[in-house]
Amino acid sequence: MINRPAGEVFKYLADLENLPRWNYAIAETRKVSPGPPAQGTVYLQTRTLPRPMQETLEISRYEHDRLLAVTGGFGDLEGTSTYTLEPDGATTRLTNEIELAGRGLLRAFSALATANIRRAVAQNLDVLKNLLESAAGTP
């Protein structure tokens, strides 16, 4: 639960250039498509963990103030991260579902990484919540 209206949470999430502010593994996320964020918008991202690398992300679903899905590289994995927003007055329930698959040899080890990924995602979502609820995080 984030103590902010769904519209504000969605606007902040949909601008993937905000990712480095709340995801400790990301150094930079830069939009390479013209125009505002929408379905089909592409970003180039520089990751520091689990090792330095660049990856491409695309907004694959964009349902204003309700649902945002991002598809692409997530470290050594690839997949889709889907954010569902449920408004409740001035509060928003944010749910994040992630579908990942390993590339190459990592395919066999992707199940083993699930617990670590789940922990890291929960940590990142806590940072996002705190950022959005603080005066400094006003989108």
C-alpha atoms as a PDB file:
ATOM      1  CA  MET A   1       0.000   0.000   0.000  1.00  0.00           C
ATOM      2  CA  ILE A   2       1.322   3.415  -1.003  1.00  0.00           C
ATOM      3  CA  ASN A   3      -0.221   6.512   0.534  1.00  0.00           C
ATOM      4  CA  ARG A   4      -0.522   8.302  -2.802  1.00  0.00           C
ATOM      5  CA  PRO A   5      -3.271   8.402  -5.449  1.00  0.00           C
ATOM      6  CA  ALA A   6      -3.004   5.772  -8.206  1.00  0.00           C
ATOM      7  CA  GLY A   7      -2.500   8.458 -10.868  1.00  0.00           C
ATOM      8  CA  GLU A   8       0.643   9.766  -9.157  1.00  0.00           C
ATOM      9  CA  VAL A   9       2.044   6.281  -8.556  1.00  0.00           C
ATOM     10  CA  PHE A  10       1.367   5.274 -12.170  1.00  0.00           C
ATOM     11  CA  LYS A  11       2.935   8.430 -13.604  1.00  0.00           C
ATOM     12  CA  TYR A  12       6.103   7.851 -11.565  1.00  0.00           C
ATOM     13  CA  LEU A  13       6.311   4.147 -12.464  1.00  0.00           C
ATOM     14  CA  ALA A  14       5.609   4.704 -16.175  1.00  0.00           C
ATOM     15  CA  ASP A  15       8.594   7.037 -16.450  1.00  0.00           C
ATOM     16  CA  LEU A  16      11.211   4.287 -16.363  1.00  0.00           C
ATOM     17  CA  GLU A  17      13.927   6.933 -16.062  1.00  0.00           C
ATOM     18  CA  ASN A  18      12.920   6.967 -12.362  1.00  0.00           C
ATOM     19  CA  LEU A  19      14.056   3.335 -11.919  1.00  0.00           C
ATOM     20  CA  PRO A  20      17.581   4.172 -10.649  1.00  0.00           C
ATOM     21  CA  ARG A  21      16.020   6.175  -7.801  1.00  0.00           C
ATOM     22  CA  TRP A  22      14.389   3.096  -6.305  1.00  0.00           C
ATOM     23  CA  ASN A  23      16.230   0.075  -7.756  1.00  0.00           C
ATOM     24  CA  TYR A  24      19.721  -0.241  -6.276  1.00  0.00           C
ATOM     25  CA  ALA A  25      20.955  -2.440  -9.174  1.00  0.00           C
ATOM     26  CA  ILE A  26      20.321   0.205 -11.854  1.00  0.00           C
ATOM     27  CA  ALA A  27      22.743   3.034 -12.642  1.00  0.00           C
ATOM     28  CA  GLU A  28      20.791   4.675 -15.481  1.00  0.00           C
ATOM     29  CA  THR A  29      17.619   4.180 -17.503  1.00  0.00           C
ATOM     30  CA  ARG A  30      17.252   6.379 -20.581  1.00  0.00           C
ATOM     31  CA  LYS A  31      14.266   6.660 -22.911  1.00  0.00           C
ATOM     32  CA  VAL A  32      15.277   6.166 -26.554  1.00  0.00           C
ATOM     33  CA  SER A  33      11.802   6.480 -28.078  1.00  0.00           C
ATOM     34  CA  PRO A  34      10.271   9.894 -28.828  1.00  0.00           C
ATOM     35  CA  GLY A  35       7.266  11.203 -26.921  1.00  0.00           C
ATOM     36  CA  PRO A  36       5.863  10.482 -23.490  1.00  0.00           C
ATOM     37  CA  PRO A  37       5.835   6.975 -21.988  1.00  0.00           C
ATOM     38  CA  ALA A  38       3.278   4.728 -23.698  1.00  0.00           C
ATOM     39  CA  GLN A  39       2.949   1.172 -24.968  1.00  0.00           C
ATOM     40  CA  GLY A  40       5.933   0.529 -27.226  1.00  0.00           C
ATOM     41  CA  THR A  41       8.256   3.068 -25.570  1.00  0.00           C
ATOM     42  CA  VAL A  42      11.816   1.704 -25.459  1.00  0.00           C
ATOM     43  CA  TYR A  43      14.485   2.399 -22.839  1.00  0.00           C
ATOM     44  CA  LEU A  44      18.185   1.582 -22.659  1.00  0.00           C
ATOM     45  CA  GLN A  45      19.280   0.668 -19.169  1.00  0.00           C
ATOM     46  CA  THR A  46      22.685   0.362 -17.507  1.00  0.00           C
ATOM     47  CA  ARG A  47      22.799  -2.169 -14.698  1.00  0.00           C
ATOM     48  CA  THR A  48      25.498  -2.522 -12.047  1.00  0.00           C
ATOM     49  CA  LEU A  49      24.311  -5.789 -10.447  1.00  0.00           C
ATOM     50  CA  PRO A  50      24.698  -8.739 -10.713  1.00  0.00           C
ATOM     51  CA  ARG A  51      27.389  -7.369 -13.041  1.00  0.00           C
ATOM     52  CA  PRO A  52      27.703  -4.280 -15.234  1.00  0.00           C
ATOM     53  CA  MET A  53      25.651  -4.640 -18.422  1.00  0.00           C
ATOM     54  CA  GLN A  54      23.241  -2.822 -20.699  1.00  0.00           C
ATOM     55  CA  GLU A  55      19.737  -4.030 -21.410  1.00  0.00           C
ATOM     56  CA  THR A  56      16.738  -2.904 -23.405  1.00  0.00           C
ATOM     57  CA  LEU A  57      13.303  -2.488 -21.856  1.00  0.00           C
ATOM     58  CA  GLU A  58       9.990  -1.867 -23.598  1.00  0.00           C
ATOM     59  CA  ILE A  59       6.647  -0.860 -22.156  1.00  0.00           C
ATOM     60  CA  SER A  60       4.574  -3.799 -23.386  1.00  0.00           C
ATOM     61  CA  ARG A  61       1.274  -2.833 -21.692  1.00  0.00           C
ATOM     62  CA  TYR A  62       0.124   0.624 -20.663  1.00  0.00           C
ATOM     63  CA  GLU A  63      -3.316   0.996 -19.123  1.00  0.00           C
ATOM     64  CA  HIS A  64      -3.379   4.501 -17.658  1.00  0.00           C
ATOM     65  CA  ASP A  65      -3.466   4.492 -13.827  1.00  0.00           C
ATOM     66  CA  ARG A  66      -4.184   0.725 -13.744  1.00  0.00           C
ATOM     67  CA  LEU A  67      -1.492  -1.472 -15.261  1.00  0.00           C
ATOM     68  CA  LEU A  68       2.056  -1.157 -16.545  1.00  0.00           C
ATOM     69  CA  ALA A  69       4.088  -4.039 -17.990  1.00  0.00           C
ATOM     70  CA  VAL A  70       7.763  -3.803 -18.901  1.00  0.00           C
ATOM     71  CA  THR A  71       9.436  -6.483 -21.031  1.00  0.00           C
ATOM     72  CA  GLY A  72      13.128  -6.988 -21.667  1.00  0.00           C
ATOM     73  CA  GLY A  73      16.391  -7.824 -19.965  1.00  0.00           C
ATOM     74  CA  PHE A  74      16.613  -8.101 -16.187  1.00  0.00           C
ATOM     75  CA  GLY A  75      20.252  -8.829 -15.560  1.00  0.00           C
ATOM     76  CA  ASP A  76      21.080 -12.287 -16.833  1.00  0.00           C
ATOM     77  CA  LEU A  77      17.366 -13.037 -17.135  1.00  0.00           C
ATOM     78  CA  GLU A  78      14.674 -11.795 -19.475  1.00  0.00           C
ATOM     79  CA  GLY A  79      10.958 -11.465 -19.001  1.00  0.00           C
ATOM     80  CA  THR A  80       8.135  -9.155 -18.002  1.00  0.00           C
ATOM     81  CA  SER A  81       7.508  -7.147 -14.856  1.00  0.00           C
ATOM     82  CA  THR A  82       3.841  -6.177 -14.441  1.00  0.00           C
ATOM     83  CA  TYR A  83       2.605  -3.529 -12.022  1.00  0.00           C
ATOM     84  CA  THR A  84      -1.098  -3.517 -11.157  1.00  0.00           C
ATOM     85  CA  LEU A  85      -2.507  -0.485  -9.357  1.00  0.00           C
ATOM     86  CA  GLU A  86      -5.734  -0.578  -7.359  1.00  0.00           C
ATOM     87  CA  PRO A  87      -6.906   2.829  -6.083  1.00  0.00           C
ATOM     88  CA  ASP A  88      -8.469   3.149  -2.644  1.00  0.00           C
ATOM     89  CA  GLY A  89      -9.120   6.847  -2.159  1.00  0.00           C
ATOM     90  CA  ALA A  90      -5.771   8.568  -1.689  1.00  0.00           C
ATOM     91  CA  THR A  91      -4.030   5.205  -1.258  1.00  0.00           C
ATOM     92  CA  THR A  92      -2.874   2.744  -3.932  1.00  0.00           C
ATOM     93  CA  ARG A  93      -2.369  -0.999  -3.661  1.00  0.00           C
ATOM     94  CA  LEU A  94       0.577  -1.818  -5.915  1.00  0.00           C
ATOM     95  CA  THR A  95       1.153  -5.415  -6.958  1.00  0.00           C
ATOM     96  CA  ASN A  96       4.240  -6.460  -8.895  1.00  0.00           C
ATOM     97  CA  GLU A  97       4.322  -9.785 -10.761  1.00  0.00           C
ATOM     98  CA  ILE A  98       7.468 -10.867 -12.555  1.00  0.00           C
ATOM     99  CA  GLU A  99       7.883 -13.627 -15.113  1.00  0.00           C
ATOM    100  CA  LEU A 100      11.530 -14.399 -15.806  1.00  0.00           C
ATOM    101  CA  ALA A 101      13.463 -16.960 -17.817  1.00  0.00           C
ATOM    102  CA  GLY A 102      17.176 -17.569 -17.948  1.00  0.00           C
ATOM    103  CA  ARG A 103      19.244 -17.002 -21.050  1.00  0.00           C
ATOM    104  CA  GLY A 104      21.393 -19.876 -22.242  1.00  0.00           C
ATOM    105  CA  LEU A 105      22.889 -21.874 -19.364  1.00  0.00           C
ATOM    106  CA  LEU A 106      21.099 -19.733 -16.801  1.00  0.00           C
ATOM    107  CA  ARG A 107      17.799 -21.296 -17.805  1.00  0.00           C
ATOM    108  CA  ALA A 108      18.567 -24.250 -15.525  1.00  0.00           C
ATOM    109  CA  PHE A 109      19.493 -21.986 -12.598  1.00  0.00           C
ATOM    110  CA  SER A 110      16.664 -19.436 -12.854  1.00  0.00           C
ATOM    111  CA  ALA A 111      14.509 -21.340 -10.343  1.00  0.00           C
ATOM    112  CA  LEU A 112      17.329 -21.196  -7.789  1.00  0.00           C
ATOM    113  CA  ALA A 113      17.524 -17.420  -8.108  1.00  0.00           C
ATOM    114  CA  THR A 114      13.822 -16.917  -7.348  1.00  0.00           C
ATOM    115  CA  ALA A 115      14.196 -16.372  -3.579  1.00  0.00           C
ATOM    116  CA  ASN A 116      16.976 -13.812  -4.048  1.00  0.00           C
ATOM    117  CA  ILE A 117      15.021 -11.994  -6.739  1.00  0.00           C
ATOM    118  CA  ARG A 118      11.874 -11.939  -4.590  1.00  0.00           C
ATOM    119  CA  ARG A 119      13.856 -10.398  -1.702  1.00  0.00           C
ATOM    120  CA  ALA A 120      15.461  -7.770  -3.950  1.00  0.00           C
ATOM    121  CA  VAL A 121      12.124  -6.817  -5.533  1.00  0.00           C
ATOM    122  CA  ALA A 122      10.493  -6.436  -2.102  1.00  0.00           C
ATOM    123  CA  GLN A 123      13.389  -4.203  -1.017  1.00  0.00           C
ATOM    124  CA  ASN A 124      13.048  -2.067  -4.143  1.00  0.00           C
ATOM    125  CA  LEU A 125       9.275  -1.713  -3.688  1.00  0.00           C
ATOM    126  CA  ASP A 126       9.833  -0.543  -0.096  1.00  0.00           C
ATOM    127  CA  VAL A 127      12.210   2.129  -1.397  1.00  0.00           C
ATOM    128  CA  LEU A 128       9.627   3.131  -4.028  1.00  0.00           C
ATOM    129  CA  LYS A 129       6.903   3.396  -1.364  1.00  0.00           C
ATOM    130  CA  ASN A 130       9.090   5.529   0.906  1.00  0.00           C
ATOM    131  CA  LEU A 131      10.175   7.727  -1.974  1.00  0.00           C
ATOM    132  CA  LEU A 132       6.632   8.361  -3.175  1.00  0.00           C
ATOM    133  CA  GLU A 133       5.348   9.028   0.323  1.00  0.00           C
ATOM    134  CA  SER A 134       8.118  11.476   1.196  1.00  0.00           C
ATOM    135  CA  ALA A 135       8.022  15.155   0.295  1.00  0.00           C
ATOM    136  CA  ALA A 136      11.208  14.703  -1.785  1.00  0.00           C
ATOM    137  CA  GLY A 137       9.545  11.971  -3.846  1.00  0.00           C
ATOM    138  CA  THR A 138       6.624  14.059  -5.047  1.00  0.00           C
ATOM    139  CA  PRO A 139       6.256  13.114  -8.728  1.00  0.00           C
END
